[in-house]
Amino acid sequence: MSPLERKQIILPNSPENFLLREMHERLQQGLVVWISFGGRSMQPTISGVSDKVELTPLRNDEPCRVGEVYLFLHENHYVVHRLVNTKADKYLFRGDNCYRCEQVCRQQILARLTAVERADGSVTHTDSDEWRSLSRQVLRRRRVRQMAYNLLNQRGRRWESVVYFVLLAFLMWAPINGVGIPMNNFVLGIRVDHLLHASVYLLCPFFLLDVTKKRRGLMLVVALLIGVFTETVQAILPWRGFDINDLLANFMGNLVGWLLLIPYFRRLKK
């Protein structure tokens, strides 16, 4: 294939694009349209690089069903995404590879996806068992990813932080030294109790993100002070004791957890 044949022409995704305007007019005439859309928002169900999609215009009285994929106009852009929820006259769409949703009215929904042509020429119809199975797999992965996202975002961290610091205080101050667990054994040359201290404090910087307003230096200082405080309190508890090695393990856990957040801070800076 020559360089000229490999060259792609990128056209704007808007009604000003003459191809998309032609597509819109044909759909309004009740005609079925085949077209390619770029992007990765619907991967892996639809590849924006090689797949073509068949769009069938909607009748005015045709209901939109959750789970189906539709073409709609959102903020002057044509989008092919999956319908995830409806409320009154509002329809909520999201790409299979996206976290952000689009909310539109019924009048903005133009067509329903009815088939996908792959790069090898095979065609998958959306009423086939193959498509339904692929969609179920994608939706299951989406639910798992959404749960993880909810746990890691700011709203999820609010209650998780409370749970974490309560458990941290319990592990550091509760009388658990005599429960029969051998703490003087070694794993990879490291004592089990020191490894436990480091692993417990590994998450401390993460749960301080909102408290320190994502200030990297302040976060590390606060995390280290928490390690000093919890270990110092053990000195006045009759069932626990202060150990400088445990304190160093606390420091190491905090430091490693803080270093793991460096890529996150770099993205924030960008």
C-alpha atoms as a PDB file:
ATOM      1  CA  MET A   1       0.000   0.000   0.000  1.00  0.00           C
ATOM      2  CA  SER A   2       1.421   3.370  -1.007  1.00  0.00           C
ATOM      3  CA  PRO A   3       1.761   6.306   1.438  1.00  0.00           C
ATOM      4  CA  LEU A   4      -0.979   8.080  -0.520  1.00  0.00           C
ATOM      5  CA  GLU A   5      -3.371   5.173   0.036  1.00  0.00           C
ATOM      6  CA  ARG A   6      -2.574   5.047   3.756  1.00  0.00           C
ATOM      7  CA  LYS A   7      -3.245   8.734   4.246  1.00  0.00           C
ATOM      8  CA  GLN A   8      -6.441   9.527   6.168  1.00  0.00           C
ATOM      9  CA  ILE A   9      -8.541  12.667   5.925  1.00  0.00           C
ATOM     10  CA  ILE A  10      -9.910  13.818   9.273  1.00  0.00           C
ATOM     11  CA  LEU A  11     -13.195  15.692   8.959  1.00  0.00           C
ATOM     12  CA  PRO A  12     -14.802  17.702  11.780  1.00  0.00           C
ATOM     13  CA  ASN A  13     -17.562  15.987  13.770  1.00  0.00           C
ATOM     14  CA  SER A  14     -20.272  18.612  13.404  1.00  0.00           C
ATOM     15  CA  PRO A  15     -23.288  19.434  11.238  1.00  0.00           C
ATOM     16  CA  GLU A  16     -20.948  21.632   9.144  1.00  0.00           C
ATOM     17  CA  ASN A  17     -19.259  18.445   7.890  1.00  0.00           C
ATOM     18  CA  PHE A  18     -20.904  17.821   4.514  1.00  0.00           C
ATOM     19  CA  LEU A  19     -20.741  14.019   4.950  1.00  0.00           C
ATOM     20  CA  LEU A  20     -22.429  14.097   8.338  1.00  0.00           C
ATOM     21  CA  ARG A  21     -24.959  16.609   7.063  1.00  0.00           C
ATOM     22  CA  GLU A  22     -25.756  14.212   4.227  1.00  0.00           C
ATOM     23  CA  MET A  23     -26.059  11.359   6.753  1.00  0.00           C
ATOM     24  CA  HIS A  24     -28.462  13.426   8.867  1.00  0.00           C
ATOM     25  CA  GLU A  25     -30.626  14.290   5.870  1.00  0.00           C
ATOM     26  CA  ARG A  26     -30.821  10.663   4.720  1.00  0.00           C
ATOM     27  CA  LEU A  27     -31.832   9.528   8.200  1.00  0.00           C
ATOM     28  CA  GLN A  28     -34.573  12.168   8.245  1.00  0.00           C
ATOM     29  CA  GLN A  29     -35.788  10.718   4.931  1.00  0.00           C
ATOM     30  CA  GLY A  30     -36.071   7.297   6.599  1.00  0.00           C
ATOM     31  CA  LEU A  31     -33.065   5.749   4.847  1.00  0.00           C
ATOM     32  CA  VAL A  32     -30.563   3.360   6.422  1.00  0.00           C
ATOM     33  CA  VAL A  33     -26.992   4.705   6.526  1.00  0.00           C
ATOM     34  CA  TRP A  34     -23.585   3.004   6.736  1.00  0.00           C
ATOM     35  CA  ILE A  35     -20.801   5.214   8.094  1.00  0.00           C
ATOM     36  CA  SER A  36     -17.474   5.097   9.972  1.00  0.00           C
ATOM     37  CA  PHE A  37     -16.815   7.090  13.136  1.00  0.00           C
ATOM     38  CA  GLY A  38     -13.331   7.566  14.552  1.00  0.00           C
ATOM     39  CA  GLY A  39     -12.375   7.384  18.211  1.00  0.00           C
ATOM     40  CA  ARG A  40     -12.128   4.710  20.884  1.00  0.00           C
ATOM     41  CA  SER A  41     -15.184   5.503  22.967  1.00  0.00           C
ATOM     42  CA  MET A  42     -17.031   2.292  22.027  1.00  0.00           C
ATOM     43  CA  GLN A  43     -14.163  -0.178  22.179  1.00  0.00           C
ATOM     44  CA  PRO A  44     -14.158  -3.142  22.245  1.00  0.00           C
ATOM     45  CA  THR A  45     -17.659  -3.469  20.785  1.00  0.00           C
ATOM     46  CA  ILE A  46     -16.917  -1.004  17.964  1.00  0.00           C
ATOM     47  CA  SER A  47     -13.481  -0.083  16.637  1.00  0.00           C
ATOM     48  CA  GLY A  48     -13.303   3.524  15.524  1.00  0.00           C
ATOM     49  CA  VAL A  49     -10.347   2.651  13.285  1.00  0.00           C
ATOM     50  CA  SER A  50     -11.723  -0.096  11.079  1.00  0.00           C
ATOM     51  CA  ASP A  51     -15.437  -0.731  11.732  1.00  0.00           C
ATOM     52  CA  LYS A  52     -18.433   0.669   9.883  1.00  0.00           C
ATOM     53  CA  VAL A  53     -21.830   0.934  11.547  1.00  0.00           C
ATOM     54  CA  GLU A  54     -25.324   0.597  10.131  1.00  0.00           C
ATOM     55  CA  LEU A  55     -27.727   3.221  11.467  1.00  0.00           C
ATOM     56  CA  THR A  56     -31.477   2.815  11.133  1.00  0.00           C
ATOM     57  CA  PRO A  57     -33.641   5.920  11.636  1.00  0.00           C
ATOM     58  CA  LEU A  58     -36.050   5.945  14.568  1.00  0.00           C
ATOM     59  CA  ARG A  59     -39.765   6.397  14.164  1.00  0.00           C
ATOM     60  CA  ASN A  60     -41.340   9.142  16.226  1.00  0.00           C
ATOM     61  CA  ASP A  61     -43.270   6.599  18.303  1.00  0.00           C
ATOM     62  CA  GLU A  62     -40.394   4.119  18.635  1.00  0.00           C
ATOM     63  CA  PRO A  63     -39.153   3.782  22.241  1.00  0.00           C
ATOM     64  CA  CYS A  64     -35.466   3.863  23.109  1.00  0.00           C
ATOM     65  CA  ARG A  65     -34.354   0.849  25.117  1.00  0.00           C
ATOM     66  CA  VAL A  66     -31.608   0.869  27.749  1.00  0.00           C
ATOM     67  CA  GLY A  67     -28.621  -1.184  26.583  1.00  0.00           C
ATOM     68  CA  GLU A  68     -29.071  -0.376  22.882  1.00  0.00           C
ATOM     69  CA  VAL A  69     -26.593   1.797  20.960  1.00  0.00           C
ATOM     70  CA  TYR A  70     -27.881   4.962  19.280  1.00  0.00           C
ATOM     71  CA  LEU A  71     -26.725   7.881  17.184  1.00  0.00           C
ATOM     72  CA  PHE A  72     -27.554  11.236  18.755  1.00  0.00           C
ATOM     73  CA  LEU A  73     -26.570  14.889  18.518  1.00  0.00           C
ATOM     74  CA  HIS A  74     -24.838  16.247  21.621  1.00  0.00           C
ATOM     75  CA  GLU A  75     -23.270  19.707  21.876  1.00  0.00           C
ATOM     76  CA  ASN A  76     -23.169  20.020  18.089  1.00  0.00           C
ATOM     77  CA  HIS A  77     -21.402  16.639  17.733  1.00  0.00           C
ATOM     78  CA  TYR A  78     -22.689  13.339  16.386  1.00  0.00           C
ATOM     79  CA  VAL A  79     -22.123  10.537  18.884  1.00  0.00           C
ATOM     80  CA  VAL A  80     -22.696   6.768  18.767  1.00  0.00           C
ATOM     81  CA  HIS A  81     -22.970   5.563  22.378  1.00  0.00           C
ATOM     82  CA  ARG A  82     -24.960   3.146  24.501  1.00  0.00           C
ATOM     83  CA  LEU A  83     -28.132   4.205  26.337  1.00  0.00           C
ATOM     84  CA  VAL A  84     -27.553   3.537  30.053  1.00  0.00           C
ATOM     85  CA  ASN A  85     -30.520   5.217  31.739  1.00  0.00           C
ATOM     86  CA  THR A  86     -33.698   7.204  31.127  1.00  0.00           C
ATOM     87  CA  LYS A  87     -35.570   9.662  33.334  1.00  0.00           C
ATOM     88  CA  ALA A  88     -38.689  11.477  32.125  1.00  0.00           C
ATOM     89  CA  ASP A  89     -37.617  13.056  28.811  1.00  0.00           C
ATOM     90  CA  LYS A  90     -33.889  12.804  29.571  1.00  0.00           C
ATOM     91  CA  TYR A  91     -31.734  10.053  28.074  1.00  0.00           C
ATOM     92  CA  LEU A  92     -28.317   9.244  29.512  1.00  0.00           C
ATOM     93  CA  PHE A  93     -25.671   7.801  27.153  1.00  0.00           C
ATOM     94  CA  ARG A  94     -22.138   6.594  27.719  1.00  0.00           C
ATOM     95  CA  GLY A  95     -19.483   4.983  25.555  1.00  0.00           C
ATOM     96  CA  ASP A  96     -18.377   1.474  26.482  1.00  0.00           C
ATOM     97  CA  ASN A  97     -14.849   2.817  26.978  1.00  0.00           C
ATOM     98  CA  CYS A  98     -15.831   6.083  28.741  1.00  0.00           C
ATOM     99  CA  TYR A  99     -16.706   7.310  32.219  1.00  0.00           C
ATOM    100  CA  ARG A 100     -18.343  10.575  31.202  1.00  0.00           C
ATOM    101  CA  CYS A 101     -22.005  10.527  30.195  1.00  0.00           C
ATOM    102  CA  GLU A 102     -24.047  12.595  27.748  1.00  0.00           C
ATOM    103  CA  GLN A 103     -27.604  13.674  28.523  1.00  0.00           C
ATOM    104  CA  VAL A 104     -29.918  14.474  25.631  1.00  0.00           C
ATOM    105  CA  CYS A 105     -33.615  14.796  24.836  1.00  0.00           C
ATOM    106  CA  ARG A 106     -35.584  12.381  22.686  1.00  0.00           C
ATOM    107  CA  GLN A 107     -35.537  14.803  19.761  1.00  0.00           C
ATOM    108  CA  GLN A 108     -31.725  14.631  19.647  1.00  0.00           C
ATOM    109  CA  ILE A 109     -31.681  10.828  19.169  1.00  0.00           C
ATOM    110  CA  LEU A 110     -31.497  10.205  15.427  1.00  0.00           C
ATOM    111  CA  ALA A 111     -30.967   6.492  14.791  1.00  0.00           C
ATOM    112  CA  ARG A 112     -30.357   3.078  16.302  1.00  0.00           C
ATOM    113  CA  LEU A 113     -27.299   0.939  15.630  1.00  0.00           C
ATOM    114  CA  THR A 114     -28.438  -2.202  13.825  1.00  0.00           C
ATOM    115  CA  ALA A 115     -25.201  -3.749  12.509  1.00  0.00           C
ATOM    116  CA  VAL A 116     -21.410  -3.437  12.603  1.00  0.00           C
ATOM    117  CA  GLU A 117     -19.125  -4.357   9.677  1.00  0.00           C
ATOM    118  CA  ARG A 118     -15.676  -5.480  10.810  1.00  0.00           C
ATOM    119  CA  ALA A 119     -12.370  -4.962   9.027  1.00  0.00           C
ATOM    120  CA  ASP A 120     -12.473  -8.507   7.632  1.00  0.00           C
ATOM    121  CA  GLY A 121     -15.836  -7.860   5.983  1.00  0.00           C
ATOM    122  CA  SER A 122     -17.936  -9.817   8.473  1.00  0.00           C
ATOM    123  CA  VAL A 123     -21.149  -8.199   9.696  1.00  0.00           C
ATOM    124  CA  THR A 124     -22.502  -8.463  13.244  1.00  0.00           C
ATOM    125  CA  HIS A 125     -26.175  -7.572  13.678  1.00  0.00           C
ATOM    126  CA  THR A 126     -27.268  -6.095  16.989  1.00  0.00           C
ATOM    127  CA  ASP A 127     -30.162  -8.558  17.274  1.00  0.00           C
ATOM    128  CA  SER A 128     -27.761 -11.526  17.101  1.00  0.00           C
ATOM    129  CA  ASP A 129     -26.609 -13.676  20.026  1.00  0.00           C
ATOM    130  CA  GLU A 130     -22.998 -12.704  19.256  1.00  0.00           C
ATOM    131  CA  TRP A 131     -23.690  -9.000  19.756  1.00  0.00           C
ATOM    132  CA  ARG A 132     -25.796  -9.571  22.877  1.00  0.00           C
ATOM    133  CA  SER A 133     -23.053 -11.736  24.406  1.00  0.00           C
ATOM    134  CA  LEU A 134     -20.383  -9.121  23.632  1.00  0.00           C
ATOM    135  CA  SER A 135     -22.573  -6.360  25.059  1.00  0.00           C
ATOM    136  CA  ARG A 136     -23.153  -8.316  28.283  1.00  0.00           C
ATOM    137  CA  GLN A 137     -19.415  -8.857  28.692  1.00  0.00           C
ATOM    138  CA  VAL A 138     -18.731  -5.173  28.163  1.00  0.00           C
ATOM    139  CA  LEU A 139     -21.446  -4.125  30.608  1.00  0.00           C
ATOM    140  CA  ARG A 140     -20.111  -6.504  33.276  1.00  0.00           C
ATOM    141  CA  ARG A 141     -16.625  -5.059  32.887  1.00  0.00           C
ATOM    142  CA  ARG A 142     -18.134  -1.585  32.947  1.00  0.00           C
ATOM    143  CA  ARG A 143     -19.847  -2.263  36.280  1.00  0.00           C
ATOM    144  CA  VAL A 144     -16.607  -3.535  37.810  1.00  0.00           C
ATOM    145  CA  ARG A 145     -14.641  -0.555  36.490  1.00  0.00           C
ATOM    146  CA  GLN A 146     -17.341   1.838  37.676  1.00  0.00           C
ATOM    147  CA  MET A 147     -17.234   0.336  41.162  1.00  0.00           C
ATOM    148  CA  ALA A 148     -13.458   0.759  41.239  1.00  0.00           C
ATOM    149  CA  TYR A 149     -13.799   4.326  39.970  1.00  0.00           C
ATOM    150  CA  ASN A 150     -16.397   5.126  42.649  1.00  0.00           C
ATOM    151  CA  LEU A 151     -14.078   3.761  45.315  1.00  0.00           C
ATOM    152  CA  LEU A 152     -11.159   5.862  44.114  1.00  0.00           C
ATOM    153  CA  ASN A 153     -12.838   9.179  43.414  1.00  0.00           C
ATOM    154  CA  GLN A 154     -13.218  11.958  45.988  1.00  0.00           C
ATOM    155  CA  ARG A 155     -16.745  11.039  47.062  1.00  0.00           C
ATOM    156  CA  GLY A 156     -15.785   7.414  47.641  1.00  0.00           C
ATOM    157  CA  ARG A 157     -12.685   8.374  49.620  1.00  0.00           C
ATOM    158  CA  ARG A 158     -14.739  10.286  52.198  1.00  0.00           C
ATOM    159  CA  TRP A 159     -16.178   7.259  53.960  1.00  0.00           C
ATOM    160  CA  GLU A 160     -13.263   5.003  53.045  1.00  0.00           C
ATOM    161  CA  SER A 161     -10.886   7.375  54.834  1.00  0.00           C
ATOM    162  CA  VAL A 162     -12.922   7.099  58.035  1.00  0.00           C
ATOM    163  CA  VAL A 163     -12.905   3.298  57.831  1.00  0.00           C
ATOM    164  CA  TYR A 164      -9.171   3.215  57.091  1.00  0.00           C
ATOM    165  CA  PHE A 165      -8.091   5.434  59.994  1.00  0.00           C
ATOM    166  CA  VAL A 166     -10.383   3.601  62.440  1.00  0.00           C
ATOM    167  CA  LEU A 167      -8.818   0.295  61.391  1.00  0.00           C
ATOM    168  CA  LEU A 168      -5.352   1.869  61.575  1.00  0.00           C
ATOM    169  CA  ALA A 169      -5.933   2.970  65.182  1.00  0.00           C
ATOM    170  CA  PHE A 170      -7.269  -0.471  66.060  1.00  0.00           C
ATOM    171  CA  LEU A 171      -4.273  -2.291  64.586  1.00  0.00           C
ATOM    172  CA  MET A 172      -1.769   0.065  66.227  1.00  0.00           C
ATOM    173  CA  TRP A 173      -3.363   0.335  69.679  1.00  0.00           C
ATOM    174  CA  ALA A 174      -5.511  -2.756  70.286  1.00  0.00           C
ATOM    175  CA  PRO A 175      -4.091  -5.548  72.510  1.00  0.00           C
ATOM    176  CA  ILE A 176      -3.354  -7.956  69.678  1.00  0.00           C
ATOM    177  CA  ASN A 177       0.244  -8.808  70.580  1.00  0.00           C
ATOM    178  CA  GLY A 178      -0.843 -11.855  72.544  1.00  0.00           C
ATOM    179  CA  VAL A 179      -3.314 -13.414  70.127  1.00  0.00           C
ATOM    180  CA  GLY A 180      -0.870 -16.160  69.198  1.00  0.00           C
ATOM    181  CA  ILE A 181       0.269 -14.788  65.837  1.00  0.00           C
ATOM    182  CA  PRO A 182       4.068 -15.143  65.512  1.00  0.00           C
ATOM    183  CA  MET A 183       5.409 -11.695  64.721  1.00  0.00           C
ATOM    184  CA  ASN A 184       9.120 -12.461  64.970  1.00  0.00           C
ATOM    185  CA  ASN A 185       9.220 -14.642  61.849  1.00  0.00           C
ATOM    186  CA  PHE A 186      10.942 -13.378  58.723  1.00  0.00           C
ATOM    187  CA  VAL A 187       9.627 -12.992  55.152  1.00  0.00           C
ATOM    188  CA  LEU A 188      12.292 -12.146  52.549  1.00  0.00           C
ATOM    189  CA  GLY A 189      14.572 -11.143  55.396  1.00  0.00           C
ATOM    190  CA  ILE A 190      12.016  -8.744  56.925  1.00  0.00           C
ATOM    191  CA  ARG A 191      10.246  -9.374  60.232  1.00  0.00           C
ATOM    192  CA  VAL A 192       6.523 -10.020  59.884  1.00  0.00           C
ATOM    193  CA  ASP A 193       5.536  -7.221  62.292  1.00  0.00           C
ATOM    194  CA  HIS A 194       7.661  -4.676  60.414  1.00  0.00           C
ATOM    195  CA  LEU A 195       6.179  -5.844  57.108  1.00  0.00           C
ATOM    196  CA  LEU A 196       2.696  -5.463  58.609  1.00  0.00           C
ATOM    197  CA  HIS A 197       3.446  -1.918  59.792  1.00  0.00           C
ATOM    198  CA  ALA A 198       4.753  -0.892  56.361  1.00  0.00           C
ATOM    199  CA  SER A 199       1.814  -2.426  54.483  1.00  0.00           C
ATOM    200  CA  VAL A 200      -0.759  -0.777  56.778  1.00  0.00           C
ATOM    201  CA  TYR A 201       0.748   2.688  56.218  1.00  0.00           C
ATOM    202  CA  LEU A 202       1.080   2.162  52.463  1.00  0.00           C
ATOM    203  CA  LEU A 203      -2.447   3.552  51.940  1.00  0.00           C
ATOM    204  CA  CYS A 204      -2.123   6.449  54.378  1.00  0.00           C
ATOM    205  CA  PRO A 205      -0.986   9.078  51.801  1.00  0.00           C
ATOM    206  CA  PHE A 206      -3.834   8.089  49.456  1.00  0.00           C
ATOM    207  CA  PHE A 207      -6.474   8.711  52.133  1.00  0.00           C
ATOM    208  CA  LEU A 208      -4.883  12.075  52.933  1.00  0.00           C
ATOM    209  CA  LEU A 209      -5.379  13.387  49.384  1.00  0.00           C
ATOM    210  CA  ASP A 210      -8.467  15.417  50.249  1.00  0.00           C
ATOM    211  CA  VAL A 211      -7.355  16.414  53.747  1.00  0.00           C
ATOM    212  CA  THR A 212      -4.163  18.001  52.420  1.00  0.00           C
ATOM    213  CA  LYS A 213      -5.909  19.404  49.318  1.00  0.00           C
ATOM    214  CA  LYS A 214      -3.593  17.291  47.110  1.00  0.00           C
ATOM    215  CA  ARG A 215      -0.491  19.212  48.229  1.00  0.00           C
ATOM    216  CA  ARG A 216       2.238  16.636  47.733  1.00  0.00           C
ATOM    217  CA  GLY A 217       4.774  17.820  50.300  1.00  0.00           C
ATOM    218  CA  LEU A 218       2.192  18.460  53.013  1.00  0.00           C
ATOM    219  CA  MET A 219       0.687  15.031  52.429  1.00  0.00           C
ATOM    220  CA  LEU A 220       4.003  13.286  53.100  1.00  0.00           C
ATOM    221  CA  VAL A 221       4.629  15.329  56.254  1.00  0.00           C
ATOM    222  CA  VAL A 222       1.158  14.587  57.655  1.00  0.00           C
ATOM    223  CA  ALA A 223       1.491  10.878  56.840  1.00  0.00           C
ATOM    224  CA  LEU A 224       4.862  10.696  58.627  1.00  0.00           C
ATOM    225  CA  LEU A 225       3.460  12.543  61.654  1.00  0.00           C
ATOM    226  CA  ILE A 226       0.586  10.060  61.845  1.00  0.00           C
ATOM    227  CA  GLY A 227       3.160   7.252  61.914  1.00  0.00           C
ATOM    228  CA  VAL A 228       5.027   8.982  64.752  1.00  0.00           C
ATOM    229  CA  PHE A 229       1.815   9.655  66.691  1.00  0.00           C
ATOM    230  CA  THR A 230       0.449   6.099  66.532  1.00  0.00           C
ATOM    231  CA  GLU A 231       3.792   4.592  67.538  1.00  0.00           C
ATOM    232  CA  THR A 232       4.335   7.121  70.373  1.00  0.00           C
ATOM    233  CA  VAL A 233       0.906   6.372  71.862  1.00  0.00           C
ATOM    234  CA  GLN A 234       1.958   2.725  72.126  1.00  0.00           C
ATOM    235  CA  ALA A 235       4.580   3.790  74.658  1.00  0.00           C
ATOM    236  CA  ILE A 236       1.880   4.703  77.205  1.00  0.00           C
ATOM    237  CA  LEU A 237      -0.317   1.658  76.572  1.00  0.00           C
ATOM    238  CA  PRO A 238       0.420  -1.180  79.035  1.00  0.00           C
ATOM    239  CA  TRP A 239      -0.306  -3.868  76.420  1.00  0.00           C
ATOM    240  CA  ARG A 240       1.820  -2.310  73.659  1.00  0.00           C
ATOM    241  CA  GLY A 241       5.313  -0.881  73.468  1.00  0.00           C
ATOM    242  CA  PHE A 242       7.312   1.664  71.518  1.00  0.00           C
ATOM    243  CA  ASP A 243       9.732   0.203  68.953  1.00  0.00           C
ATOM    244  CA  ILE A 244      12.009   2.347  66.802  1.00  0.00           C
ATOM    245  CA  ASN A 245      12.034  -0.362  64.127  1.00  0.00           C
ATOM    246  CA  ASP A 246       8.236  -0.249  63.937  1.00  0.00           C
ATOM    247  CA  LEU A 247       8.473   3.523  63.551  1.00  0.00           C
ATOM    248  CA  LEU A 248      10.933   3.129  60.675  1.00  0.00           C
ATOM    249  CA  ALA A 249       8.576   0.595  59.086  1.00  0.00           C
ATOM    250  CA  ASN A 250       5.767   3.153  59.361  1.00  0.00           C
ATOM    251  CA  PHE A 251       7.987   5.688  57.604  1.00  0.00           C
ATOM    252  CA  MET A 252       8.851   3.236  54.831  1.00  0.00           C
ATOM    253  CA  GLY A 253       5.189   2.381  54.218  1.00  0.00           C
ATOM    254  CA  ASN A 254       4.248   6.069  54.035  1.00  0.00           C
ATOM    255  CA  LEU A 255       7.163   6.869  51.748  1.00  0.00           C
ATOM    256  CA  VAL A 256       6.414   4.043  49.312  1.00  0.00           C
ATOM    257  CA  GLY A 257       2.701   4.957  49.259  1.00  0.00           C
ATOM    258  CA  TRP A 258       3.608   8.588  48.594  1.00  0.00           C
ATOM    259  CA  LEU A 259       5.977   7.632  45.764  1.00  0.00           C
ATOM    260  CA  LEU A 260       3.242   5.527  44.146  1.00  0.00           C
ATOM    261  CA  LEU A 261       1.105   8.686  43.913  1.00  0.00           C
ATOM    262  CA  ILE A 262       3.751  10.649  41.973  1.00  0.00           C
ATOM    263  CA  PRO A 263       2.283   9.711  38.527  1.00  0.00           C
ATOM    264  CA  TYR A 264      -1.123  10.909  39.762  1.00  0.00           C
ATOM    265  CA  PHE A 265       0.303  14.285  40.768  1.00  0.00           C
ATOM    266  CA  ARG A 266       2.026  14.602  37.400  1.00  0.00           C
ATOM    267  CA  ARG A 267      -1.311  14.134  35.620  1.00  0.00           C
ATOM    268  CA  LEU A 268      -2.868  16.745  37.902  1.00  0.00           C
ATOM    269  CA  LYS A 269      -0.104  19.198  37.018  1.00  0.00           C
ATOM    270  CA  LYS A 270      -0.675  18.677  33.303  1.00  0.00           C
END
